Amino acid sequence: MIWAAQYGTKIIVIIGLVLALIAGYFYWKHQVYQSGYNEAVEKYEARDAKDAITAASILESAKKSVEDKAKENNDILIGVLTHNDKQIKNITAERDAALTRSLRVSTAKTDANRGNSLPGKANLPQSNDSGGEGTCEEELAEDSKRKLVNAEYQIARMAELHLSCVAQIERTHVLK
């Protein structure tokens, strides 16, 4: 016990100094680690801020490009629809003109229609029923038939093209 009393205070002081040195070392190590960590965080935050600015400018240019392309597509579709509308009107007018030319029937005056004051009109039977349906089947000239069939085909084709353009516009506007 004497030994403990004689050296006890010295041992406690030495253990205290060793513990202080160890604590100082770990504190220093923590400070070095923390400063390195803080520097890395600042570096990455600066990089991320720069990347965010770059990404924002890229996003803006991409949005502008998409808007320009959408406007261009809309202009093209409107042009196609306008062109189709004009073509459908022209083809319809051609068909109507062909029908008008091909359905005119002119006859010479016969005994049955001598009293008819309108020369050059067909002798069509008249009925007292003004609201009833009547038929007049006259044979069309071969050229007129061909024109009529061609006009009907063109109208159907234009209508189909017009409907496909309308569907494309609807799909385009749904995507927005």
N, C-alpha and C. Protein backbone atom coordinates (compact mmCIF):
# COMPACT_ATOMS: atom_id res chain seq x y z
N MET A 1 0.77 -1.17 0.00
CA MET A 1 0.00 0.00 0.00
C MET A 1 0.83 1.26 0.00
N ILE A 2 1.91 1.12 0.58
CA ILE A 2 2.79 2.26 0.56
C ILE A 2 3.16 2.58 -0.88
N TRP A 3 3.37 1.57 -1.56
CA TRP A 3 3.73 1.77 -2.96
C TRP A 3 2.61 2.52 -3.67
N ALA A 4 1.39 2.18 -3.42
CA ALA A 4 0.24 2.81 -4.04
C ALA A 4 0.13 4.25 -3.58
N ALA A 5 0.43 4.50 -2.31
CA ALA A 5 0.32 5.86 -1.83
C ALA A 5 1.44 6.71 -2.35
N GLN A 6 2.60 6.11 -2.47
CA GLN A 6 3.75 6.87 -2.92
C GLN A 6 3.66 7.15 -4.43
N TYR A 7 3.25 6.19 -5.21
CA TYR A 7 3.21 6.37 -6.66
C TYR A 7 1.79 6.61 -7.20
N GLY A 8 0.80 6.54 -6.42
CA GLY A 8 -0.60 6.67 -6.84
C GLY A 8 -0.89 8.01 -7.49
N THR A 9 -0.40 9.05 -6.89
CA THR A 9 -0.67 10.35 -7.47
C THR A 9 0.07 10.53 -8.79
N LYS A 10 1.28 9.99 -8.82
CA LYS A 10 2.04 10.09 -10.08
C LYS A 10 1.36 9.27 -11.17
N ILE A 11 0.86 8.10 -10.82
CA ILE A 11 0.19 7.24 -11.80
C ILE A 11 -1.10 7.90 -12.29
N ILE A 12 -1.80 8.51 -11.37
CA ILE A 12 -3.04 9.18 -11.75
C ILE A 12 -2.73 10.36 -12.66
N VAL A 13 -1.67 11.10 -12.37
CA VAL A 13 -1.29 12.23 -13.21
C VAL A 13 -0.87 11.72 -14.58
N ILE A 14 -0.09 10.63 -14.61
CA ILE A 14 0.38 10.09 -15.89
C ILE A 14 -0.82 9.55 -16.67
N ILE A 15 -1.71 8.86 -16.04
CA ILE A 15 -2.90 8.34 -16.74
C ILE A 15 -3.74 9.52 -17.25
N GLY A 16 -3.85 10.57 -16.43
CA GLY A 16 -4.57 11.77 -16.86
C GLY A 16 -3.93 12.40 -18.08
N LEU A 17 -2.56 12.50 -18.05
CA LEU A 17 -1.86 13.08 -19.21
C LEU A 17 -2.04 12.20 -20.46
N VAL A 18 -1.94 10.88 -20.30
CA VAL A 18 -2.11 9.98 -21.44
C VAL A 18 -3.54 10.11 -21.99
N LEU A 19 -4.50 10.16 -21.09
CA LEU A 19 -5.88 10.32 -21.55
C LEU A 19 -6.08 11.68 -22.23
N ALA A 20 -5.43 12.72 -21.72
CA ALA A 20 -5.53 14.03 -22.35
C ALA A 20 -4.89 14.00 -23.73
N LEU A 21 -3.72 13.32 -23.85
CA LEU A 21 -3.08 13.20 -25.17
C LEU A 21 -3.97 12.42 -26.14
N ILE A 22 -4.54 11.34 -25.67
CA ILE A 22 -5.42 10.54 -26.55
C ILE A 22 -6.65 11.36 -26.94
N ALA A 23 -7.25 12.05 -26.00
CA ALA A 23 -8.42 12.89 -26.30
C ALA A 23 -8.04 14.00 -27.27
N GLY A 24 -6.87 14.61 -27.07
CA GLY A 24 -6.39 15.65 -27.98
C GLY A 24 -6.19 15.10 -29.39
N TYR A 25 -5.62 13.89 -29.45
CA TYR A 25 -5.40 13.27 -30.76
C TYR A 25 -6.75 13.06 -31.47
N PHE A 26 -7.70 12.47 -30.77
CA PHE A 26 -9.00 12.22 -31.38
C PHE A 26 -9.72 13.52 -31.73
N TYR A 27 -9.57 14.55 -30.92
CA TYR A 27 -10.16 15.85 -31.23
C TYR A 27 -9.52 16.42 -32.49
N TRP A 28 -8.18 16.36 -32.57
CA TRP A 28 -7.45 16.83 -33.76
C TRP A 28 -7.89 16.04 -34.97
N LYS A 29 -7.98 14.71 -34.86
CA LYS A 29 -8.39 13.85 -35.96
C LYS A 29 -9.81 14.22 -36.42
N HIS A 30 -10.69 14.46 -35.48
CA HIS A 30 -12.06 14.85 -35.81
C HIS A 30 -12.09 16.20 -36.54
N GLN A 31 -11.29 17.15 -36.10
CA GLN A 31 -11.22 18.47 -36.73
C GLN A 31 -10.72 18.34 -38.17
N VAL A 32 -9.67 17.54 -38.36
CA VAL A 32 -9.14 17.34 -39.72
C VAL A 32 -10.19 16.68 -40.60
N TYR A 33 -10.84 15.66 -40.09
CA TYR A 33 -11.90 14.98 -40.85
C TYR A 33 -13.03 15.94 -41.17
N GLN A 34 -13.46 16.69 -40.18
CA GLN A 34 -14.58 17.61 -40.37
C GLN A 34 -14.25 18.70 -41.38
N SER A 35 -13.04 19.24 -41.33
CA SER A 35 -12.67 20.27 -42.31
C SER A 35 -12.61 19.69 -43.71
N GLY A 36 -12.10 18.46 -43.86
CA GLY A 36 -12.08 17.81 -45.18
C GLY A 36 -13.49 17.54 -45.68
N TYR A 37 -14.35 17.11 -44.77
CA TYR A 37 -15.74 16.86 -45.12
C TYR A 37 -16.43 18.14 -45.56
N ASN A 38 -16.22 19.23 -44.81
CA ASN A 38 -16.83 20.51 -45.15
C ASN A 38 -16.34 21.02 -46.50
N GLU A 39 -15.04 20.86 -46.78
CA GLU A 39 -14.49 21.27 -48.07
C GLU A 39 -15.13 20.47 -49.21
N ALA A 40 -15.30 19.16 -49.00
CA ALA A 40 -15.91 18.31 -50.04
C ALA A 40 -17.37 18.70 -50.27
N VAL A 41 -18.08 18.99 -49.17
CA VAL A 41 -19.48 19.39 -49.30
C VAL A 41 -19.59 20.70 -50.07
N GLU A 42 -18.73 21.67 -49.76
CA GLU A 42 -18.74 22.95 -50.47
C GLU A 42 -18.43 22.76 -51.95
N LYS A 43 -17.46 21.90 -52.22
CA LYS A 43 -17.07 21.62 -53.61
C LYS A 43 -18.24 21.01 -54.38
N TYR A 44 -18.92 20.02 -53.78
CA TYR A 44 -20.03 19.37 -54.47
C TYR A 44 -21.26 20.27 -54.57
N GLU A 45 -21.48 21.11 -53.56
CA GLU A 45 -22.59 22.07 -53.65
C GLU A 45 -22.35 23.08 -54.75
N ALA A 46 -21.11 23.53 -54.90
CA ALA A 46 -20.78 24.46 -55.99
C ALA A 46 -20.99 23.78 -57.35
N ARG A 47 -20.53 22.52 -57.43
CA ARG A 47 -20.72 21.77 -58.68
C ARG A 47 -22.20 21.58 -58.98
N ASP A 48 -22.99 21.22 -57.96
CA ASP A 48 -24.42 21.01 -58.16
C ASP A 48 -25.14 22.30 -58.57
N ALA A 49 -24.74 23.42 -57.99
CA ALA A 49 -25.34 24.70 -58.36
C ALA A 49 -25.04 25.02 -59.83
N LYS A 50 -23.80 24.77 -60.24
CA LYS A 50 -23.41 25.01 -61.64
C LYS A 50 -24.20 24.08 -62.57
N ASP A 51 -24.32 22.81 -62.15
CA ASP A 51 -25.08 21.85 -62.96
C ASP A 51 -26.56 22.22 -63.03
N ALA A 52 -27.10 22.76 -61.94
CA ALA A 52 -28.51 23.18 -61.94
C ALA A 52 -28.73 24.32 -62.92
N ILE A 53 -27.80 25.27 -62.96
CA ILE A 53 -27.92 26.38 -63.91
C ILE A 53 -27.83 25.85 -65.34
N THR A 54 -26.89 24.95 -65.60
CA THR A 54 -26.74 24.36 -66.93
C THR A 54 -28.00 23.58 -67.31
N ALA A 55 -28.51 22.78 -66.36
CA ALA A 55 -29.71 21.99 -66.63
C ALA A 55 -30.90 22.89 -66.92
N ALA A 56 -31.02 23.99 -66.20
CA ALA A 56 -32.13 24.92 -66.43
C ALA A 56 -32.05 25.52 -67.84
N SER A 57 -30.84 25.89 -68.26
CA SER A 57 -30.71 26.46 -69.60
C SER A 57 -30.99 25.41 -70.68
N ILE A 58 -30.55 24.18 -70.44
CA ILE A 58 -30.83 23.09 -71.39
C ILE A 58 -32.33 22.82 -71.45
N LEU A 59 -32.98 22.82 -70.29
CA LEU A 59 -34.42 22.59 -70.23
C LEU A 59 -35.18 23.70 -70.97
N GLU A 60 -34.77 24.94 -70.77
CA GLU A 60 -35.43 26.06 -71.46
C GLU A 60 -35.26 25.94 -72.98
N SER A 61 -34.05 25.59 -73.42
CA SER A 61 -33.85 25.46 -74.87
C SER A 61 -34.64 24.28 -75.42
N ALA A 62 -34.75 23.19 -74.64
CA ALA A 62 -35.55 22.04 -75.08
C ALA A 62 -37.03 22.41 -75.16
N LYS A 63 -37.53 23.15 -74.16
CA LYS A 63 -38.93 23.59 -74.20
C LYS A 63 -39.18 24.48 -75.41
N LYS A 64 -38.27 25.39 -75.68
CA LYS A 64 -38.40 26.29 -76.83
C LYS A 64 -38.41 25.48 -78.12
N SER A 65 -37.53 24.49 -78.20
CA SER A 65 -37.47 23.64 -79.39
C SER A 65 -38.77 22.87 -79.58
N VAL A 66 -39.32 22.34 -78.48
CA VAL A 66 -40.57 21.60 -78.56
C VAL A 66 -41.71 22.53 -78.97
N GLU A 67 -41.75 23.73 -78.41
CA GLU A 67 -42.80 24.68 -78.79
C GLU A 67 -42.69 25.05 -80.26
N ASP A 68 -41.46 25.28 -80.74
CA ASP A 68 -41.28 25.62 -82.15
C ASP A 68 -41.72 24.47 -83.05
N LYS A 69 -41.36 23.25 -82.67
CA LYS A 69 -41.73 22.08 -83.46
C LYS A 69 -43.24 21.88 -83.44
N ALA A 70 -43.87 22.09 -82.28
CA ALA A 70 -45.32 21.96 -82.19
C ALA A 70 -46.01 23.00 -83.06
N LYS A 71 -45.50 24.23 -83.05
CA LYS A 71 -46.07 25.29 -83.89
C LYS A 71 -45.90 24.93 -85.36
N GLU A 72 -44.72 24.43 -85.70
CA GLU A 72 -44.46 24.03 -87.09
C GLU A 72 -45.42 22.91 -87.50
N ASN A 73 -45.60 21.91 -86.62
CA ASN A 73 -46.51 20.81 -86.92
C ASN A 73 -47.95 21.30 -87.05
N ASN A 74 -48.35 22.21 -86.17
CA ASN A 74 -49.70 22.77 -86.26
C ASN A 74 -49.89 23.53 -87.57
N ASP A 75 -48.87 24.31 -87.96
CA ASP A 75 -48.97 25.04 -89.22
C ASP A 75 -49.08 24.08 -90.40
N ILE A 76 -48.30 22.99 -90.35
CA ILE A 76 -48.35 22.00 -91.43
C ILE A 76 -49.73 21.35 -91.47
N LEU A 77 -50.24 20.96 -90.30
CA LEU A 77 -51.55 20.32 -90.26
C LEU A 77 -52.65 21.26 -90.73
N ILE A 78 -52.59 22.50 -90.32
CA ILE A 78 -53.59 23.48 -90.77
C ILE A 78 -53.49 23.67 -92.28
N GLY A 79 -52.27 23.71 -92.79
CA GLY A 79 -52.08 23.82 -94.24
C GLY A 79 -52.66 22.62 -94.97
N VAL A 80 -52.41 21.42 -94.43
CA VAL A 80 -52.93 20.21 -95.06
C VAL A 80 -54.45 20.21 -95.02
N LEU A 81 -55.01 20.58 -93.87
CA LEU A 81 -56.47 20.61 -93.77
C LEU A 81 -57.07 21.65 -94.71
N THR A 82 -56.44 22.81 -94.82
CA THR A 82 -56.94 23.84 -95.74
C THR A 82 -56.86 23.34 -97.18
N HIS A 83 -55.73 22.71 -97.52
CA HIS A 83 -55.56 22.16 -98.87
C HIS A 83 -56.61 21.08 -99.14
N ASN A 84 -56.82 20.19 -98.15
CA ASN A 84 -57.82 19.13 -98.31
C ASN A 84 -59.21 19.72 -98.47
N ASP A 85 -59.52 20.74 -97.70
CA ASP A 85 -60.82 21.39 -97.80
C ASP A 85 -61.03 21.94 -99.20
N LYS A 86 -60.01 22.62 -99.73
CA LYS A 86 -60.12 23.17 -101.09
C LYS A 86 -60.29 22.05 -102.11
N GLN A 87 -59.51 20.96 -101.93
CA GLN A 87 -59.62 19.85 -102.89
C GLN A 87 -61.00 19.21 -102.83
N ILE A 88 -61.51 19.03 -101.61
CA ILE A 88 -62.83 18.43 -101.48
C ILE A 88 -63.88 19.33 -102.14
N LYS A 89 -63.77 20.64 -101.94
CA LYS A 89 -64.73 21.56 -102.59
C LYS A 89 -64.61 21.49 -104.10
N ASN A 90 -63.36 21.45 -104.62
CA ASN A 90 -63.16 21.37 -106.08
C ASN A 90 -63.72 20.07 -106.64
N ILE A 91 -63.45 18.97 -105.96
CA ILE A 91 -63.92 17.67 -106.45
C ILE A 91 -65.45 17.61 -106.37
N THR A 92 -66.00 18.15 -105.30
CA THR A 92 -67.46 18.18 -105.18
C THR A 92 -68.06 19.03 -106.29
N ALA A 93 -67.45 20.18 -106.58
CA ALA A 93 -67.94 21.03 -107.66
C ALA A 93 -67.84 20.31 -109.01
N GLU A 94 -66.73 19.59 -109.24
CA GLU A 94 -66.58 18.82 -110.48
C GLU A 94 -67.66 17.75 -110.57
N ARG A 95 -67.91 17.06 -109.48
CA ARG A 95 -68.93 16.01 -109.48
C ARG A 95 -70.30 16.61 -109.76
N ASP A 96 -70.60 17.71 -109.08
CA ASP A 96 -71.89 18.35 -109.30
C ASP A 96 -72.04 18.83 -110.74
N ALA A 97 -70.96 19.38 -111.28
CA ALA A 97 -71.00 19.84 -112.68
C ALA A 97 -71.18 18.65 -113.62
N ALA A 98 -70.49 17.54 -113.32
CA ALA A 98 -70.63 16.35 -114.16
C ALA A 98 -72.05 15.80 -114.07
N LEU A 99 -72.60 15.80 -112.87
CA LEU A 99 -73.99 15.32 -112.72
C LEU A 99 -74.95 16.23 -113.47
N THR A 100 -74.73 17.53 -113.36
CA THR A 100 -75.62 18.47 -114.03
C THR A 100 -75.54 18.28 -115.54
N ARG A 101 -74.32 18.15 -116.08
CA ARG A 101 -74.18 17.96 -117.53
C ARG A 101 -74.74 16.63 -117.98
N SER A 102 -74.52 15.58 -117.18
CA SER A 102 -74.90 14.26 -117.66
C SER A 102 -76.38 13.98 -117.48
N LEU A 103 -77.07 14.69 -116.59
CA LEU A 103 -78.48 14.40 -116.36
C LEU A 103 -79.41 15.30 -117.18
N ARG A 104 -78.86 16.19 -117.96
CA ARG A 104 -79.72 16.99 -118.84
C ARG A 104 -80.18 16.12 -119.99
N VAL A 105 -81.45 16.10 -120.18
CA VAL A 105 -82.02 15.30 -121.27
C VAL A 105 -82.76 16.24 -122.19
N SER A 106 -82.39 16.25 -123.42
CA SER A 106 -83.13 17.09 -124.36
C SER A 106 -83.79 16.18 -125.39
N THR A 107 -85.02 16.51 -125.70
CA THR A 107 -85.78 15.70 -126.65
C THR A 107 -86.40 16.62 -127.68
N ALA A 108 -86.74 16.05 -128.77
CA ALA A 108 -87.46 16.80 -129.80
C ALA A 108 -88.93 16.79 -129.44
N LYS A 109 -89.66 17.79 -129.94
CA LYS A 109 -91.08 17.84 -129.64
C LYS A 109 -91.78 16.68 -130.35
N THR A 110 -92.58 16.01 -129.58
CA THR A 110 -93.38 14.92 -130.16
C THR A 110 -94.84 15.27 -129.97
N ASP A 111 -95.70 14.41 -130.47
CA ASP A 111 -97.14 14.66 -130.31
C ASP A 111 -97.53 14.72 -128.85
N ALA A 112 -96.82 13.97 -128.01
CA ALA A 112 -97.20 13.89 -126.59
C ALA A 112 -96.86 15.18 -125.85
N ASN A 113 -95.86 15.92 -126.34
CA ASN A 113 -95.49 17.11 -125.56
C ASN A 113 -95.58 18.39 -126.38
N ARG A 114 -96.46 18.44 -127.36
CA ARG A 114 -96.59 19.63 -128.18
C ARG A 114 -97.06 20.82 -127.36
N GLY A 115 -97.83 20.59 -126.38
CA GLY A 115 -98.33 21.68 -125.56
C GLY A 115 -97.30 22.20 -124.57
N ASN A 116 -96.17 21.56 -124.47
CA ASN A 116 -95.13 21.96 -123.51
C ASN A 116 -94.48 23.25 -123.99
N SER A 117 -94.55 24.27 -123.20
CA SER A 117 -94.03 25.55 -123.63
C SER A 117 -92.54 25.69 -123.38
N LEU A 118 -91.94 24.77 -122.68
CA LEU A 118 -90.49 24.83 -122.43
C LEU A 118 -89.78 23.91 -123.41
N PRO A 119 -89.16 24.47 -124.41
CA PRO A 119 -88.51 23.62 -125.39
C PRO A 119 -87.26 22.97 -124.79
N GLY A 120 -86.96 21.78 -125.27
CA GLY A 120 -85.74 21.10 -124.88
C GLY A 120 -85.82 20.38 -123.55
N LYS A 121 -86.98 20.28 -122.96
CA LYS A 121 -87.13 19.56 -121.70
C LYS A 121 -87.67 18.17 -121.98
N ALA A 122 -87.31 17.26 -121.12
CA ALA A 122 -87.75 15.88 -121.31
C ALA A 122 -89.25 15.76 -121.05
N ASN A 123 -89.83 14.81 -121.70
CA ASN A 123 -91.24 14.54 -121.48
C ASN A 123 -91.33 13.58 -120.31
N LEU A 124 -91.34 14.15 -119.11
CA LEU A 124 -91.41 13.32 -117.91
C LEU A 124 -92.85 13.30 -117.44
N PRO A 125 -93.29 12.15 -116.99
CA PRO A 125 -94.69 12.08 -116.54
C PRO A 125 -94.89 12.99 -115.33
N GLN A 126 -95.99 13.69 -115.35
CA GLN A 126 -96.34 14.60 -114.27
C GLN A 126 -97.34 13.88 -113.37
N SER A 127 -97.22 14.11 -112.10
CA SER A 127 -98.19 13.50 -111.20
C SER A 127 -98.84 14.60 -110.38
N ASN A 128 -99.98 14.31 -109.86
CA ASN A 128 -100.68 15.26 -109.01
C ASN A 128 -100.10 15.27 -107.61
N ASP A 129 -99.35 14.23 -107.25
CA ASP A 129 -98.77 14.12 -105.91
C ASP A 129 -97.46 14.90 -105.88
N SER A 130 -97.49 16.10 -105.28
CA SER A 130 -96.28 16.94 -105.29
C SER A 130 -95.28 16.51 -104.24
N GLY A 131 -95.68 15.75 -103.25
CA GLY A 131 -94.76 15.36 -102.18
C GLY A 131 -94.22 13.96 -102.36
N GLY A 132 -94.64 13.26 -103.35
CA GLY A 132 -94.23 11.86 -103.51
C GLY A 132 -92.85 11.73 -104.12
N GLU A 133 -92.33 10.54 -104.00
CA GLU A 133 -91.02 10.30 -104.60
C GLU A 133 -91.21 9.89 -106.04
N GLY A 134 -90.29 10.31 -106.85
CA GLY A 134 -90.32 9.92 -108.24
C GLY A 134 -88.94 9.50 -108.67
N THR A 135 -88.84 8.73 -109.71
CA THR A 135 -87.53 8.32 -110.21
C THR A 135 -87.43 8.68 -111.66
N CYS A 136 -86.26 9.05 -112.04
CA CYS A 136 -85.98 9.34 -113.44
C CYS A 136 -84.63 8.72 -113.72
N GLU A 137 -84.65 7.55 -114.30
CA GLU A 137 -83.39 6.88 -114.56
C GLU A 137 -83.04 7.07 -116.03
N GLU A 138 -82.12 7.92 -116.27
CA GLU A 138 -81.62 8.14 -117.62
C GLU A 138 -80.19 7.62 -117.64
N GLU A 139 -79.81 7.05 -118.72
CA GLU A 139 -78.47 6.48 -118.80
C GLU A 139 -77.45 7.60 -118.96
N LEU A 140 -76.41 7.55 -118.14
CA LEU A 140 -75.35 8.54 -118.22
C LEU A 140 -74.41 8.18 -119.35
N ALA A 141 -73.82 9.21 -119.91
CA ALA A 141 -72.80 8.95 -120.92
C ALA A 141 -71.62 8.27 -120.24
N GLU A 142 -70.89 7.42 -120.98
CA GLU A 142 -69.78 6.65 -120.40
C GLU A 142 -68.72 7.57 -119.80
N ASP A 143 -68.40 8.67 -120.45
CA ASP A 143 -67.41 9.61 -119.93
C ASP A 143 -67.90 10.24 -118.63
N SER A 144 -69.18 10.56 -118.57
CA SER A 144 -69.74 11.16 -117.36
C SER A 144 -69.74 10.16 -116.22
N LYS A 145 -70.03 8.89 -116.52
CA LYS A 145 -69.98 7.86 -115.49
C LYS A 145 -68.57 7.77 -114.91
N ARG A 146 -67.59 7.76 -115.81
CA ARG A 146 -66.20 7.66 -115.37
C ARG A 146 -65.84 8.86 -114.49
N LYS A 147 -66.25 10.05 -114.91
CA LYS A 147 -65.97 11.25 -114.13
C LYS A 147 -66.66 11.20 -112.77
N LEU A 148 -67.89 10.73 -112.75
CA LEU A 148 -68.65 10.64 -111.51
C LEU A 148 -68.00 9.65 -110.55
N VAL A 149 -67.63 8.50 -111.06
CA VAL A 149 -66.97 7.50 -110.20
C VAL A 149 -65.64 8.04 -109.69
N ASN A 150 -64.88 8.69 -110.57
CA ASN A 150 -63.59 9.26 -110.16
C ASN A 150 -63.80 10.35 -109.10
N ALA A 151 -64.80 11.19 -109.29
CA ALA A 151 -65.08 12.26 -108.32
C ALA A 151 -65.48 11.66 -106.97
N GLU A 152 -66.33 10.63 -106.99
CA GLU A 152 -66.73 10.00 -105.74
C GLU A 152 -65.53 9.37 -105.04
N TYR A 153 -64.65 8.73 -105.82
CA TYR A 153 -63.44 8.14 -105.24
C TYR A 153 -62.55 9.23 -104.63
N GLN A 154 -62.38 10.33 -105.34
CA GLN A 154 -61.54 11.42 -104.83
C GLN A 154 -62.14 12.03 -103.57
N ILE A 155 -63.45 12.19 -103.54
CA ILE A 155 -64.11 12.74 -102.35
C ILE A 155 -63.90 11.81 -101.17
N ALA A 156 -64.08 10.52 -101.37
CA ALA A 156 -63.88 9.56 -100.28
C ALA A 156 -62.43 9.59 -99.81
N ARG A 157 -61.50 9.69 -100.76
CA ARG A 157 -60.07 9.73 -100.40
C ARG A 157 -59.75 11.00 -99.61
N MET A 158 -60.27 12.13 -100.06
CA MET A 158 -60.03 13.40 -99.37
C MET A 158 -60.67 13.38 -97.98
N ALA A 159 -61.87 12.82 -97.89
CA ALA A 159 -62.54 12.75 -96.58
C ALA A 159 -61.73 11.88 -95.62
N GLU A 160 -61.22 10.77 -96.12
CA GLU A 160 -60.38 9.90 -95.27
C GLU A 160 -59.12 10.62 -94.84
N LEU A 161 -58.48 11.32 -95.77
CA LEU A 161 -57.27 12.08 -95.44
C LEU A 161 -57.59 13.18 -94.43
N HIS A 162 -58.71 13.84 -94.63
CA HIS A 162 -59.13 14.90 -93.72
C HIS A 162 -59.36 14.34 -92.32
N LEU A 163 -60.02 13.20 -92.22
CA LEU A 163 -60.27 12.58 -90.91
C LEU A 163 -58.97 12.14 -90.25
N SER A 164 -58.01 11.64 -91.05
CA SER A 164 -56.73 11.24 -90.45
C SER A 164 -55.97 12.47 -89.95
N CYS A 165 -56.08 13.59 -90.65
CA CYS A 165 -55.44 14.82 -90.17
C CYS A 165 -56.09 15.31 -88.89
N VAL A 166 -57.41 15.23 -88.83
CA VAL A 166 -58.12 15.64 -87.61
C VAL A 166 -57.70 14.75 -86.44
N ALA A 167 -57.58 13.44 -86.70
CA ALA A 167 -57.15 12.52 -85.64
C ALA A 167 -55.73 12.86 -85.19
N GLN A 168 -54.86 13.21 -86.14
CA GLN A 168 -53.49 13.59 -85.79
C GLN A 168 -53.48 14.85 -84.93
N ILE A 169 -54.31 15.81 -85.28
CA ILE A 169 -54.40 17.04 -84.47
C ILE A 169 -54.89 16.71 -83.07
N GLU A 170 -55.90 15.86 -82.98
CA GLU A 170 -56.41 15.49 -81.66
C GLU A 170 -55.34 14.79 -80.84
N ARG A 171 -54.57 13.88 -81.46
CA ARG A 171 -53.48 13.20 -80.72
C ARG A 171 -52.43 14.20 -80.30
N THR A 172 -52.09 15.15 -81.16
CA THR A 172 -51.07 16.13 -80.84
C THR A 172 -51.52 17.00 -79.67
N HIS A 173 -52.77 17.43 -79.69
CA HIS A 173 -53.25 18.31 -78.61
C HIS A 173 -53.48 17.55 -77.32
N VAL A 174 -53.76 16.24 -77.40
CA VAL A 174 -53.90 15.44 -76.18
C VAL A 174 -52.56 15.31 -75.50
N LEU A 175 -51.48 15.21 -76.28
CA LEU A 175 -50.14 15.05 -75.71
C LEU A 175 -49.70 16.28 -74.94
N LYS A 176 -50.19 17.45 -75.31
CA LYS A 176 -49.81 18.67 -74.61
C LYS A 176 -50.33 18.61 -73.21
